[in-house]
Structure formats: structure tokens, C-alpha cells
Amino acid sequence: MALIFFGAGFSKLRRSGIEWIVSDNMAILLIQSNYFLSGIEPLTAWGLHVAQYGWLCQLLAAATVVFEIGYPLALVSHRARWLIVPAMAFIIGIRVLMGPSFEQFLICNLFWVRWDRVFVRVFADARRMRSVAASTFTQDS
């Protein structure tokens, strides 16, 4: 995943340079996606509204490149992982605004989750809620 996202960000900068971020590129992509140029339609027409704000499109383009280029940091830094991996949920935004879906990438991101810790936490919370409910029930009786 780190190499895939890094490659995407690096390619954007290598091919287009900073122009990929500061130009109207993102606005054009958002507009084009609503004219069904690809086989997958966006879920909403919000991309047309976002495209009206050049600064917002540039902010989205910059965030995309920063998180793509920075994704390998999640391999070596726990702090970076807490920011970068959830931020890559922007893939959902791509689906909503532009159409292409990357469900496989979202599924792969689930491998970053420490499921053993999640299960321990969920079961501990469930036990605590049962004990609170039981004590409340016995006090009411």
C-alpha cells in the first residue's frame, strides 16, 4: 500500500510538478467526471459544486499529494500512522465526487488495524455495560 500510494503521488509530481496542485487540474477532473467520461459515475454531483472553488480544489490536490507521498511514513512511525492511514479514506471522497472506486485499497487499509486490541476493548466495554445495567437493576428492585 505504501508503494502504491507513494508511486501515485510521485508520478503526479514527476509528470506535472507543482502545477498538479496549483493549477485548475483538480477542478477540471471534478467537472469531467460528471460528464460520464469513464465507466463509473460519481455517486453525487457535489464535484461540480466543489469545482467552483479554486482554493478548495487546490487544497484537495495538495492534501492528496502530501498524503500519497507521505504514506510510507506509516511504516516507520506510529504517530504518522494515526494520521496518514485514516486520511487515506479520501478514497471514499474520490468515489463520491469523481466516480472511480478503490474498494480494494480500503480493504487493504483494514490490515493496519490492531483487531486484537479492538476486540479486547469492545468486550471490556460490553462487560462494563452489563455490570452497570445489572447493578442498576438490583438497585431498582
N, C-alpha and C. Protein backbone atom coordinates (compact mmCIF):
# COMPACT_ATOMS: atom_id res chain seq x y z
N MET A 1 0.83 -1.19 0.00
CA MET A 1 0.00 0.00 0.00
C MET A 1 0.87 1.25 0.00
N ALA A 2 1.93 1.20 0.78
CA ALA A 2 2.82 2.36 0.85
C ALA A 2 3.43 2.67 -0.52
N LEU A 3 3.85 1.63 -1.20
CA LEU A 3 4.44 1.84 -2.52
C LEU A 3 3.42 2.30 -3.55
N ILE A 4 2.23 1.77 -3.47
CA ILE A 4 1.18 2.16 -4.42
C ILE A 4 0.86 3.65 -4.29
N PHE A 5 0.59 4.07 -3.06
CA PHE A 5 0.24 5.48 -2.86
C PHE A 5 1.43 6.40 -3.11
N PHE A 6 2.60 5.99 -2.65
CA PHE A 6 3.78 6.81 -2.91
C PHE A 6 4.00 6.95 -4.42
N GLY A 7 3.85 5.86 -5.15
CA GLY A 7 4.01 5.90 -6.60
C GLY A 7 3.03 6.84 -7.27
N ALA A 8 1.79 6.84 -6.79
CA ALA A 8 0.78 7.74 -7.36
C ALA A 8 1.15 9.19 -7.12
N GLY A 9 1.55 9.52 -5.89
CA GLY A 9 1.92 10.89 -5.59
C GLY A 9 3.18 11.32 -6.30
N PHE A 10 4.17 10.45 -6.34
CA PHE A 10 5.42 10.74 -7.01
C PHE A 10 5.18 10.97 -8.50
N SER A 11 4.33 10.16 -9.10
CA SER A 11 4.02 10.30 -10.53
C SER A 11 3.37 11.64 -10.82
N LYS A 12 2.46 12.06 -9.95
CA LYS A 12 1.81 13.36 -10.13
C LYS A 12 2.85 14.48 -10.16
N LEU A 13 3.77 14.44 -9.20
CA LEU A 13 4.78 15.49 -9.14
C LEU A 13 5.81 15.38 -10.25
N ARG A 14 6.17 14.16 -10.61
CA ARG A 14 7.18 13.97 -11.65
C ARG A 14 6.66 14.40 -13.02
N ARG A 15 5.43 14.06 -13.30
CA ARG A 15 4.86 14.38 -14.62
C ARG A 15 4.42 15.83 -14.75
N SER A 16 3.78 16.35 -13.69
CA SER A 16 3.20 17.69 -13.78
C SER A 16 3.87 18.71 -12.89
N GLY A 17 4.62 18.23 -11.91
CA GLY A 17 5.25 19.15 -10.98
C GLY A 17 4.22 19.79 -10.07
N ILE A 18 4.58 20.91 -9.53
CA ILE A 18 3.71 21.62 -8.60
C ILE A 18 2.42 22.09 -9.29
N GLU A 19 2.45 22.14 -10.61
CA GLU A 19 1.26 22.54 -11.37
C GLU A 19 0.07 21.62 -11.12
N TRP A 20 0.34 20.38 -10.76
CA TRP A 20 -0.76 19.45 -10.47
C TRP A 20 -1.58 19.97 -9.29
N ILE A 21 -0.92 20.71 -8.41
CA ILE A 21 -1.58 21.23 -7.22
C ILE A 21 -2.13 22.63 -7.45
N VAL A 22 -1.35 23.53 -8.00
CA VAL A 22 -1.73 24.95 -8.06
C VAL A 22 -2.53 25.33 -9.30
N SER A 23 -2.69 24.43 -10.23
CA SER A 23 -3.48 24.74 -11.42
C SER A 23 -4.94 24.38 -11.19
N ASP A 24 -5.73 24.48 -12.24
CA ASP A 24 -7.15 24.11 -12.19
C ASP A 24 -7.35 22.63 -12.46
N ASN A 25 -6.30 21.85 -12.38
CA ASN A 25 -6.37 20.43 -12.70
C ASN A 25 -7.45 19.70 -11.93
N MET A 26 -7.50 19.87 -10.60
CA MET A 26 -8.49 19.15 -9.79
C MET A 26 -9.91 19.60 -10.15
N ALA A 27 -10.09 20.88 -10.38
CA ALA A 27 -11.42 21.37 -10.78
C ALA A 27 -11.84 20.75 -12.10
N ILE A 28 -10.92 20.67 -13.04
CA ILE A 28 -11.22 20.06 -14.35
C ILE A 28 -11.58 18.59 -14.18
N LEU A 29 -10.83 17.88 -13.34
CA LEU A 29 -11.13 16.45 -13.11
C LEU A 29 -12.51 16.27 -12.49
N LEU A 30 -12.85 17.14 -11.53
CA LEU A 30 -14.16 17.06 -10.89
C LEU A 30 -15.28 17.33 -11.87
N ILE A 31 -15.08 18.28 -12.75
CA ILE A 31 -16.11 18.60 -13.75
C ILE A 31 -16.22 17.48 -14.77
N GLN A 32 -15.10 17.02 -15.28
CA GLN A 32 -15.12 15.96 -16.30
C GLN A 32 -15.78 14.69 -15.78
N SER A 33 -15.57 14.36 -14.53
CA SER A 33 -16.13 13.12 -14.00
C SER A 33 -17.65 13.13 -13.99
N ASN A 34 -18.24 14.31 -14.00
CA ASN A 34 -19.69 14.40 -14.01
C ASN A 34 -20.28 14.32 -15.41
N TYR A 35 -19.42 14.22 -16.41
CA TYR A 35 -19.89 14.08 -17.78
C TYR A 35 -19.68 12.66 -18.30
N PHE A 36 -19.52 11.73 -17.36
CA PHE A 36 -19.52 10.31 -17.63
C PHE A 36 -18.51 9.90 -18.70
N LEU A 37 -17.30 10.38 -18.54
CA LEU A 37 -16.23 10.03 -19.47
C LEU A 37 -15.64 8.67 -19.14
N SER A 38 -15.86 8.20 -17.92
CA SER A 38 -15.38 6.87 -17.56
C SER A 38 -16.59 5.96 -17.37
N GLY A 39 -16.33 4.72 -17.11
CA GLY A 39 -17.42 3.76 -16.97
C GLY A 39 -18.13 3.83 -15.64
N ILE A 40 -17.57 4.57 -14.69
CA ILE A 40 -18.14 4.63 -13.35
C ILE A 40 -18.59 6.05 -13.06
N GLU A 41 -19.85 6.21 -12.73
CA GLU A 41 -20.41 7.52 -12.45
C GLU A 41 -20.15 7.90 -10.99
N PRO A 42 -19.96 9.20 -10.71
CA PRO A 42 -19.84 9.61 -9.31
C PRO A 42 -21.18 9.39 -8.59
N LEU A 43 -21.13 9.22 -7.29
CA LEU A 43 -22.35 8.99 -6.52
C LEU A 43 -23.20 10.24 -6.38
N THR A 44 -22.57 11.41 -6.47
CA THR A 44 -23.29 12.68 -6.33
C THR A 44 -22.78 13.67 -7.38
N ALA A 45 -23.43 14.81 -7.45
CA ALA A 45 -22.97 15.89 -8.32
C ALA A 45 -22.21 16.94 -7.51
N TRP A 46 -21.79 16.60 -6.32
CA TRP A 46 -21.09 17.55 -5.45
C TRP A 46 -19.78 18.02 -6.07
N GLY A 47 -19.17 17.20 -6.90
CA GLY A 47 -17.92 17.59 -7.54
C GLY A 47 -18.06 18.87 -8.34
N LEU A 48 -19.22 19.07 -8.95
CA LEU A 48 -19.45 20.30 -9.71
C LEU A 48 -19.48 21.51 -8.78
N HIS A 49 -20.00 21.34 -7.59
CA HIS A 49 -20.04 22.44 -6.62
C HIS A 49 -18.65 22.73 -6.07
N VAL A 50 -17.91 21.68 -5.75
CA VAL A 50 -16.55 21.85 -5.23
C VAL A 50 -15.67 22.52 -6.28
N ALA A 51 -15.86 22.17 -7.55
CA ALA A 51 -15.04 22.71 -8.63
C ALA A 51 -15.18 24.23 -8.77
N GLN A 52 -16.23 24.80 -8.23
CA GLN A 52 -16.43 26.25 -8.32
C GLN A 52 -15.47 27.02 -7.42
N TYR A 53 -14.86 26.33 -6.48
CA TYR A 53 -13.96 26.99 -5.52
C TYR A 53 -12.53 26.54 -5.80
N GLY A 54 -11.80 27.38 -6.51
CA GLY A 54 -10.43 27.05 -6.91
C GLY A 54 -9.53 26.75 -5.73
N TRP A 55 -9.65 27.52 -4.66
CA TRP A 55 -8.81 27.31 -3.49
C TRP A 55 -9.07 25.95 -2.85
N LEU A 56 -10.35 25.51 -2.87
CA LEU A 56 -10.69 24.22 -2.29
C LEU A 56 -10.14 23.08 -3.14
N CYS A 57 -10.22 23.24 -4.44
CA CYS A 57 -9.65 22.23 -5.35
C CYS A 57 -8.14 22.13 -5.16
N GLN A 58 -7.47 23.26 -5.01
CA GLN A 58 -6.02 23.24 -4.79
C GLN A 58 -5.67 22.62 -3.44
N LEU A 59 -6.50 22.89 -2.44
CA LEU A 59 -6.29 22.29 -1.12
C LEU A 59 -6.45 20.77 -1.20
N LEU A 60 -7.48 20.31 -1.91
CA LEU A 60 -7.68 18.87 -2.08
C LEU A 60 -6.53 18.24 -2.85
N ALA A 61 -6.05 18.90 -3.88
CA ALA A 61 -4.93 18.38 -4.66
C ALA A 61 -3.67 18.31 -3.81
N ALA A 62 -3.42 19.35 -3.02
CA ALA A 62 -2.23 19.36 -2.16
C ALA A 62 -2.31 18.26 -1.11
N ALA A 63 -3.47 18.11 -0.48
CA ALA A 63 -3.64 17.07 0.53
C ALA A 63 -3.45 15.69 -0.09
N THR A 64 -3.96 15.50 -1.28
CA THR A 64 -3.80 14.22 -1.96
C THR A 64 -2.33 13.88 -2.15
N VAL A 65 -1.58 14.83 -2.68
CA VAL A 65 -0.15 14.57 -2.93
C VAL A 65 0.62 14.39 -1.62
N VAL A 66 0.33 15.20 -0.63
CA VAL A 66 1.04 15.09 0.65
C VAL A 66 0.81 13.73 1.29
N PHE A 67 -0.44 13.29 1.33
CA PHE A 67 -0.72 12.01 1.97
C PHE A 67 -0.23 10.83 1.14
N GLU A 68 -0.28 10.96 -0.18
CA GLU A 68 0.26 9.88 -1.01
C GLU A 68 1.77 9.75 -0.86
N ILE A 69 2.46 10.87 -0.95
CA ILE A 69 3.92 10.85 -0.81
C ILE A 69 4.32 10.44 0.61
N GLY A 70 3.55 10.87 1.58
CA GLY A 70 3.88 10.59 2.98
C GLY A 70 3.45 9.23 3.48
N TYR A 71 2.71 8.48 2.70
CA TYR A 71 2.19 7.19 3.16
C TYR A 71 3.28 6.24 3.67
N PRO A 72 4.44 6.16 3.05
CA PRO A 72 5.48 5.26 3.58
C PRO A 72 5.90 5.59 5.02
N LEU A 73 5.68 6.80 5.48
CA LEU A 73 6.00 7.13 6.87
C LEU A 73 5.18 6.29 7.85
N ALA A 74 4.01 5.83 7.41
CA ALA A 74 3.18 4.99 8.28
C ALA A 74 3.85 3.67 8.59
N LEU A 75 4.81 3.28 7.78
CA LEU A 75 5.54 2.03 8.03
C LEU A 75 6.50 2.15 9.20
N VAL A 76 7.01 3.34 9.44
CA VAL A 76 8.06 3.50 10.44
C VAL A 76 7.67 4.37 11.63
N SER A 77 6.57 5.09 11.54
CA SER A 77 6.18 6.00 12.62
C SER A 77 4.75 5.72 13.06
N HIS A 78 4.61 5.40 14.35
CA HIS A 78 3.27 5.16 14.89
C HIS A 78 2.42 6.42 14.85
N ARG A 79 3.04 7.56 15.12
CA ARG A 79 2.30 8.82 15.08
C ARG A 79 1.82 9.14 13.67
N ALA A 80 2.69 8.96 12.70
CA ALA A 80 2.30 9.21 11.31
C ALA A 80 1.19 8.25 10.89
N ARG A 81 1.25 7.03 11.38
CA ARG A 81 0.23 6.02 11.03
C ARG A 81 -1.15 6.47 11.48
N TRP A 82 -1.23 7.08 12.67
CA TRP A 82 -2.52 7.53 13.19
C TRP A 82 -3.13 8.65 12.35
N LEU A 83 -2.32 9.38 11.62
CA LEU A 83 -2.81 10.45 10.77
C LEU A 83 -2.99 10.00 9.32
N ILE A 84 -1.97 9.36 8.79
CA ILE A 84 -1.93 9.06 7.36
C ILE A 84 -2.92 7.97 6.96
N VAL A 85 -2.97 6.89 7.68
CA VAL A 85 -3.83 5.77 7.28
C VAL A 85 -5.31 6.18 7.28
N PRO A 86 -5.85 6.80 8.35
CA PRO A 86 -7.24 7.25 8.27
C PRO A 86 -7.48 8.31 7.20
N ALA A 87 -6.47 9.16 6.96
CA ALA A 87 -6.63 10.20 5.93
C ALA A 87 -6.80 9.59 4.55
N MET A 88 -6.28 8.40 4.36
CA MET A 88 -6.41 7.77 3.05
C MET A 88 -7.85 7.33 2.78
N ALA A 89 -8.73 7.57 3.72
CA ALA A 89 -10.15 7.35 3.47
C ALA A 89 -10.67 8.36 2.45
N PHE A 90 -9.78 9.29 2.01
CA PHE A 90 -10.19 10.21 0.94
C PHE A 90 -10.57 9.42 -0.31
N ILE A 91 -10.23 8.16 -0.33
CA ILE A 91 -10.64 7.30 -1.44
C ILE A 91 -12.17 7.27 -1.52
N ILE A 92 -12.83 7.37 -0.38
CA ILE A 92 -14.29 7.43 -0.37
C ILE A 92 -14.74 8.73 -1.04
N GLY A 93 -14.01 9.81 -0.77
CA GLY A 93 -14.32 11.09 -1.42
C GLY A 93 -14.16 11.02 -2.92
N ILE A 94 -13.16 10.28 -3.38
CA ILE A 94 -12.98 10.12 -4.82
C ILE A 94 -14.20 9.42 -5.42
N ARG A 95 -14.68 8.40 -4.73
CA ARG A 95 -15.86 7.66 -5.22
C ARG A 95 -17.08 8.57 -5.26
N VAL A 96 -17.27 9.35 -4.22
CA VAL A 96 -18.44 10.23 -4.13
C VAL A 96 -18.38 11.35 -5.16
N LEU A 97 -17.22 11.99 -5.30
CA LEU A 97 -17.09 13.16 -6.16
C LEU A 97 -16.75 12.85 -7.62
N MET A 98 -15.99 11.77 -7.84
CA MET A 98 -15.45 11.55 -9.17
C MET A 98 -15.86 10.24 -9.83
N GLY A 99 -16.23 9.24 -9.05
CA GLY A 99 -16.70 8.00 -9.65
C GLY A 99 -15.84 6.77 -9.42
N PRO A 100 -14.54 6.82 -9.72
CA PRO A 100 -13.75 5.59 -9.56
C PRO A 100 -13.80 5.07 -8.13
N SER A 101 -13.92 3.78 -8.02
CA SER A 101 -13.97 3.18 -6.67
C SER A 101 -12.69 2.39 -6.44
N PHE A 102 -12.22 2.47 -5.24
CA PHE A 102 -10.99 1.78 -4.86
C PHE A 102 -11.25 0.94 -3.61
N GLU A 103 -12.29 0.11 -3.68
CA GLU A 103 -12.65 -0.69 -2.52
C GLU A 103 -11.51 -1.57 -2.06
N GLN A 104 -10.72 -2.07 -2.99
CA GLN A 104 -9.60 -2.95 -2.62
C GLN A 104 -8.62 -2.22 -1.72
N PHE A 105 -8.37 -0.94 -1.99
CA PHE A 105 -7.45 -0.17 -1.16
C PHE A 105 -8.03 0.05 0.23
N LEU A 106 -9.34 0.30 0.31
CA LEU A 106 -9.96 0.46 1.61
C LEU A 106 -9.86 -0.82 2.42
N ILE A 107 -10.08 -1.94 1.77
CA ILE A 107 -9.97 -3.23 2.45
C ILE A 107 -8.54 -3.46 2.92
N CYS A 108 -7.59 -3.15 2.08
CA CYS A 108 -6.18 -3.32 2.47
C CYS A 108 -5.81 -2.43 3.66
N ASN A 109 -6.41 -1.25 3.75
CA ASN A 109 -6.12 -0.38 4.88
C ASN A 109 -6.61 -0.97 6.19
N LEU A 110 -7.57 -1.89 6.13
CA LEU A 110 -8.04 -2.54 7.35
C LEU A 110 -6.96 -3.39 8.01
N PHE A 111 -5.93 -3.77 7.26
CA PHE A 111 -4.85 -4.55 7.82
C PHE A 111 -3.96 -3.74 8.76
N TRP A 112 -4.10 -2.42 8.75
CA TRP A 112 -3.36 -1.59 9.68
C TRP A 112 -3.97 -1.65 11.08
N VAL A 113 -5.23 -2.03 11.18
CA VAL A 113 -5.95 -2.02 12.45
C VAL A 113 -5.48 -3.18 13.31
N ARG A 114 -5.20 -2.92 14.56
CA ARG A 114 -4.85 -3.97 15.52
C ARG A 114 -6.16 -4.56 16.05
N TRP A 115 -6.70 -5.53 15.33
CA TRP A 115 -8.00 -6.09 15.65
C TRP A 115 -8.02 -6.77 17.01
N ASP A 116 -6.89 -7.33 17.45
CA ASP A 116 -6.86 -7.94 18.77
C ASP A 116 -7.16 -6.91 19.85
N ARG A 117 -6.64 -5.71 19.70
CA ARG A 117 -6.91 -4.64 20.66
C ARG A 117 -8.35 -4.15 20.57
N VAL A 118 -8.87 -4.09 19.36
CA VAL A 118 -10.27 -3.67 19.17
C VAL A 118 -11.20 -4.64 19.88
N PHE A 119 -10.99 -5.95 19.69
CA PHE A 119 -11.86 -6.94 20.31
C PHE A 119 -11.77 -6.88 21.84
N VAL A 120 -10.57 -6.73 22.37
CA VAL A 120 -10.42 -6.63 23.83
C VAL A 120 -11.18 -5.42 24.34
N ARG A 121 -11.05 -4.31 23.65
CA ARG A 121 -11.74 -3.08 24.08
C ARG A 121 -13.25 -3.22 24.00
N VAL A 122 -13.74 -3.79 22.91
CA VAL A 122 -15.20 -3.96 22.73
C VAL A 122 -15.76 -4.88 23.81
N PHE A 123 -15.08 -6.01 24.06
CA PHE A 123 -15.58 -6.94 25.07
C PHE A 123 -15.48 -6.35 26.47
N ALA A 124 -14.45 -5.58 26.76
CA ALA A 124 -14.33 -4.93 28.07
C ALA A 124 -15.45 -3.91 28.26
N ASP A 125 -15.76 -3.15 27.22
CA ASP A 125 -16.86 -2.18 27.30
C ASP A 125 -18.19 -2.88 27.47
N ALA A 126 -18.38 -4.01 26.77
CA ALA A 126 -19.63 -4.75 26.89
C ALA A 126 -19.80 -5.30 28.29
N ARG A 127 -18.71 -5.85 28.88
CA ARG A 127 -18.77 -6.36 30.25
C ARG A 127 -19.09 -5.25 31.24
N ARG A 128 -18.48 -4.11 31.05
CA ARG A 128 -18.71 -2.98 31.93
C ARG A 128 -20.15 -2.51 31.84
N MET A 129 -20.70 -2.46 30.64
CA MET A 129 -22.09 -2.02 30.47
C MET A 129 -23.06 -3.02 31.09
N ARG A 130 -22.75 -4.33 30.99
CA ARG A 130 -23.61 -5.34 31.61
C ARG A 130 -23.58 -5.21 33.14
N SER A 131 -22.39 -4.95 33.69
CA SER A 131 -22.31 -4.83 35.15
C SER A 131 -23.04 -3.58 35.63
N VAL A 132 -22.96 -2.49 34.88
CA VAL A 132 -23.68 -1.27 35.25
C VAL A 132 -25.18 -1.51 35.16
N ALA A 133 -25.61 -2.19 34.11
CA ALA A 133 -27.03 -2.48 33.94
C ALA A 133 -27.53 -3.40 35.05
N ALA A 134 -26.71 -4.40 35.42
CA ALA A 134 -27.10 -5.33 36.48
C ALA A 134 -27.18 -4.61 37.82
N SER A 135 -26.22 -3.74 38.12
CA SER A 135 -26.26 -3.02 39.39
C SER A 135 -27.43 -2.03 39.43
N THR A 136 -27.76 -1.44 38.32
CA THR A 136 -28.90 -0.54 38.24
C THR A 136 -30.19 -1.31 38.46
N PHE A 137 -30.26 -2.50 37.88
CA PHE A 137 -31.46 -3.33 38.01
C PHE A 137 -31.65 -3.79 39.46
N THR A 138 -30.56 -4.17 40.12
CA THR A 138 -30.67 -4.63 41.51
C THR A 138 -30.99 -3.48 42.46
N GLN A 139 -30.53 -2.27 42.13
CA GLN A 139 -30.85 -1.12 42.98
C GLN A 139 -32.32 -0.73 42.86
N ASP A 140 -32.88 -0.91 41.66
CA ASP A 140 -34.28 -0.56 41.43
C ASP A 140 -35.22 -1.58 42.06
N SER A 141 -34.76 -2.79 42.29
CA SER A 141 -35.64 -3.85 42.81
C SER A 141 -35.90 -3.74 44.25
